Protein backbone atom coordinates (compact mmCIF):
# COMPACT_ATOMS: atom_id res chain seq x y z
CA MET A 1 2.87 53.59 16.23
CA ARG A 2 5.48 53.82 13.48
CA ARG A 3 9.17 53.60 14.38
CA ALA A 4 12.48 52.50 12.85
CA LEU A 5 13.29 48.91 13.74
CA SER A 6 16.20 46.51 13.56
CA LEU A 7 15.13 42.87 13.54
CA ILE A 8 17.38 40.34 15.27
CA LEU A 9 16.45 36.81 14.19
CA LEU A 10 18.00 34.35 16.63
CA ALA A 11 18.84 31.40 14.41
CA GLY A 12 21.97 29.97 15.96
CA GLY A 13 20.81 27.37 18.48
CA VAL A 14 20.67 23.60 18.14
CA GLY A 15 17.40 21.77 18.91
CA SER A 16 18.40 18.43 20.43
CA ARG A 17 14.82 17.28 20.89
CA MET A 18 14.20 17.06 17.14
CA ARG A 19 16.21 13.82 16.93
CA SER A 20 18.05 15.26 13.93
CA ALA A 21 21.62 16.31 13.21
CA THR A 22 20.18 19.43 11.58
CA PRO A 23 19.17 22.26 13.95
CA LYS A 24 15.39 22.51 14.10
CA GLN A 25 15.23 25.94 12.48
CA TYR A 26 16.86 24.59 9.30
CA LEU A 27 14.50 21.67 8.82
CA PRO A 28 12.16 21.97 5.82
CA LEU A 29 8.58 23.19 6.07
CA ARG A 30 6.55 23.51 2.90
CA GLY A 31 9.50 23.95 0.59
CA LYS A 32 11.79 26.17 2.66
CA THR A 33 13.50 26.12 6.02
CA ILE A 34 11.64 26.97 9.21
CA ALA A 35 14.09 29.85 9.71
CA CYS A 36 13.23 31.37 6.33
CA HIS A 37 9.51 31.12 7.06
CA SER A 38 10.25 32.88 10.36
CA LEU A 39 12.05 35.67 8.49
CA ASP A 40 9.53 36.07 5.66
CA ILE A 41 6.98 38.25 7.44
CA PHE A 42 9.70 40.77 8.33
CA SER A 43 11.37 40.85 4.92
CA LYS A 44 9.18 43.59 3.40
CA HIS A 45 7.74 45.35 6.44
CA PRO A 46 8.17 49.12 5.94
CA ASP A 47 9.19 49.84 9.56
CA ILE A 48 11.99 47.28 9.60
CA GLU A 49 15.03 48.98 8.14
CA GLN A 50 17.55 46.28 9.04
CA ARG A 51 17.40 42.50 9.39
CA ILE A 52 20.16 40.74 11.32
CA VAL A 53 20.34 36.96 11.34
CA VAL A 54 22.39 35.49 14.18
CA CYS A 55 23.69 32.13 13.02
CA ALA A 56 26.87 30.17 12.39
CA SER A 57 28.55 30.61 9.01
CA GLU A 58 27.64 27.10 7.82
CA PHE A 59 23.95 27.99 7.83
CA ARG A 60 24.11 31.37 6.13
CA HIS A 61 23.56 29.98 2.64
CA HIS A 62 19.94 29.30 3.62
CA PHE A 63 19.30 33.06 3.57
CA GLU A 64 20.52 33.72 0.03
CA GLY A 65 18.15 36.15 -1.67
CA TYR A 66 17.19 37.89 1.57
CA ASP A 67 18.34 41.39 2.45
CA VAL A 68 20.03 40.49 5.73
CA GLU A 69 23.21 41.02 7.70
CA PHE A 70 24.80 38.34 9.84
CA ALA A 71 26.15 38.09 13.35
CA ASP A 72 27.82 35.16 15.09
CA PRO A 73 25.96 33.17 17.74
CA GLY A 74 27.25 32.99 21.31
CA PRO A 75 27.17 30.26 23.96
CA ARG A 76 23.99 31.69 25.51
CA ARG A 77 20.90 33.32 24.01
CA GLN A 78 21.86 36.67 25.52
CA ASP A 79 25.34 36.41 23.97
CA SER A 80 23.77 35.82 20.57
CA LEU A 81 21.42 38.74 21.14
CA GLN A 82 24.28 41.01 22.15
CA ASN A 83 26.25 40.05 19.03
CA GLY A 84 23.25 41.00 16.93
CA LEU A 85 22.76 44.18 18.91
CA LYS A 86 26.31 45.31 18.10
CA LYS A 87 25.29 45.52 14.43
CA ALA A 88 21.88 47.09 14.99
CA ARG A 89 21.42 50.68 13.81
CA ALA A 90 17.79 51.45 14.65
CA PRO A 91 16.54 52.88 17.97
CA TRP A 92 14.08 50.01 18.40
CA ILE A 93 14.89 46.30 18.47
CA LEU A 94 12.59 43.47 17.45
CA THR A 95 13.75 39.98 18.46
CA HIS A 96 12.31 36.76 17.07
CA ASP A 97 12.98 33.04 17.41
CA ALA A 98 13.86 31.43 14.10
CA ALA A 99 11.80 28.40 15.13
CA ARG A 100 8.48 30.36 15.07
CA PRO A 101 7.47 30.24 11.38
CA LEU A 102 3.74 31.00 11.66
CA LEU A 103 3.63 34.58 12.93
CA SER A 104 0.78 36.50 11.27
CA LEU A 105 0.93 40.09 10.05
CA GLN A 106 -2.09 40.95 12.20
CA VAL A 107 -0.35 39.82 15.39
CA LEU A 108 2.90 41.56 14.40
CA GLU A 109 1.06 44.84 13.77
CA ALA A 110 -0.65 44.58 17.17
CA LEU A 111 2.76 44.34 18.81
CA LEU A 112 4.17 47.26 16.82
CA ALA A 113 1.17 49.44 17.70
CA THR A 114 2.11 49.58 21.38
CA GLU A 115 3.53 52.78 22.87
CA ALA A 116 5.42 50.84 25.55
CA GLU A 117 9.23 50.82 25.62
CA ALA A 118 9.17 47.02 25.95
CA ALA A 119 6.49 44.56 24.88
CA THR A 120 6.06 40.86 24.21
CA LEU A 121 3.51 38.60 22.62
CA ALA A 122 2.02 36.12 25.07
CA LEU A 123 -0.94 33.83 25.67
CA PRO A 124 -2.71 33.26 28.98
CA ALA A 125 -1.94 29.86 30.52
CA LYS A 126 -4.77 27.42 29.79
CA ASN A 127 -3.80 24.32 31.73
CA THR A 128 -3.88 23.69 35.46
CA LEU A 129 -0.43 24.40 36.89
CA LYS A 130 1.15 22.42 39.72
CA ARG A 131 4.30 23.22 41.67
CA SER A 132 6.30 20.14 42.69
CA CYS A 133 9.30 19.25 44.80
CA ARG A 134 12.34 17.41 43.43
CA SER A 135 10.67 14.04 44.00
CA GLN A 136 7.85 15.21 41.70
CA HIS A 137 5.21 15.31 44.38
CA VAL A 138 2.76 18.21 44.19
CA ILE A 139 3.40 21.04 46.63
CA GLU A 140 0.60 23.32 45.49
CA THR A 141 -1.70 24.31 42.67
CA VAL A 142 -0.59 27.56 41.06
CA ASP A 143 -3.13 30.29 40.34
CA ARG A 144 -2.90 30.62 36.57
CA SER A 145 -5.02 33.78 36.30
CA GLU A 146 -1.89 35.95 36.16
CA ILE A 147 0.33 33.48 34.27
CA TRP A 148 1.24 34.07 30.63
CA GLU A 149 3.13 31.92 28.14
CA VAL A 150 5.56 34.20 26.33
CA GLN A 151 6.07 34.19 22.56
CA THR A 152 8.20 36.17 20.17
CA PRO A 153 8.64 38.62 18.57
CA GLN A 154 9.48 40.94 21.43
CA LEU A 155 9.90 44.70 21.06
CA ILE A 156 12.42 46.66 23.15
CA LYS A 157 13.74 50.19 22.91
CA ARG A 158 17.47 50.06 22.20
CA SER A 159 18.41 52.29 25.12
CA VAL A 160 16.44 50.09 27.52
CA LEU A 161 18.10 46.96 26.19
CA ASP A 162 21.57 48.50 26.54
CA ARG A 163 20.87 49.39 30.17
CA GLY A 164 19.49 45.91 30.77
CA PHE A 165 22.68 44.26 29.59
CA LEU A 166 24.69 46.41 31.96
CA ALA A 167 22.37 45.54 34.84
CA ALA A 168 22.50 41.80 34.08
CA GLY A 169 26.29 41.57 34.29
CA GLU A 170 27.14 37.86 34.32
CA GLU A 171 23.59 36.79 35.20
CA THR A 172 22.01 34.43 32.66
CA VAL A 173 18.88 35.90 31.09
CA THR A 174 16.82 33.58 28.87
CA ASP A 175 14.06 35.99 27.81
CA ASP A 176 14.80 39.20 25.94
CA VAL A 177 12.28 41.49 27.63
CA SER A 178 13.68 40.38 30.99
CA PHE A 179 16.44 42.92 30.33
CA ALA A 180 13.78 45.62 30.51
CA GLU A 181 12.48 44.15 33.77
CA LEU A 182 15.98 44.33 35.26
CA VAL A 183 16.00 48.13 34.91
CA GLY A 184 12.43 48.64 36.04
CA CYS A 185 10.95 49.23 32.61
CA PRO A 186 7.33 47.99 32.40
CA VAL A 187 6.78 45.26 29.82
CA GLN A 188 3.47 45.37 27.97
CA ILE A 189 1.79 42.06 27.16
CA ILE A 190 0.20 41.88 23.71
CA SER A 191 -2.11 38.97 22.93
CA GLY A 192 -0.34 36.46 20.73
CA SER A 193 -1.76 33.64 18.66
CA PRO A 194 -2.06 29.88 19.29
CA CYS A 195 -0.73 29.45 15.75
CA ASN A 196 2.54 31.21 16.63
CA ILE A 197 4.08 28.01 17.98
CA LYS A 198 7.76 27.39 18.59
CA ILE A 199 8.94 24.24 16.88
CA THR A 200 10.88 22.25 19.45
CA THR A 201 9.88 18.61 18.92
CA PRO A 202 9.02 16.46 15.87
CA GLU A 203 5.40 16.64 16.99
CA ASP A 204 5.53 20.44 16.77
CA LEU A 205 6.66 20.17 13.17
CA HIS A 206 3.62 18.05 12.33
CA ILE A 207 1.39 20.64 14.01
CA ALA A 208 3.07 23.44 12.04
CA GLU A 209 2.45 21.55 8.79
CA ALA A 210 -1.24 21.29 9.63
CA LEU A 211 -1.51 24.94 10.69
CA TYR A 212 0.38 26.14 7.62
CA ALA A 213 -2.23 24.54 5.41
CA LYS A 214 -4.95 26.63 7.05
CA ILE A 215 -3.35 30.11 7.05
């Protein structure tokens, strides 16, 4: 399904678990920053008419040579998203974490083929899940058959996202398609890829290096 899209690349956060003064998305991976790898697949896609990078001004030089616009980050993810949304012109919004550099074109096209007004990439949970109390004693084993681990990008119709922000008010929302859930809009799950990892720890960066060599 072809549609006009504005990409919002969320590149403003700081990854404390990387044990580095540099935010994780600006660490190098195979000759360029993780954030630029995350942007690359969107840079020439014919349906994406606008690319908005949400990041602080001191990191904008990393995106020289890309056809992008910038928005300022906010204190929360949803504030950063809303700042990007204010500059978006297309009727459909595609959001992506700047710390996911290994998205494939095949997976992206599967997401864009949906007719749903909101959709996300996700993988079914593989590990046994336990619910615990505060003392870290197991309360129960969770049925994982209906549990999914969400990835980005996520696709949301602009009008749905606008209504979701109004419905959220001051509530903190950490997942973009949750805004669609708040207004009763069904969210379609599209199968993601194990390679589409989010780099959060130094170990993740080593994994990304190994995966990059194979794709």
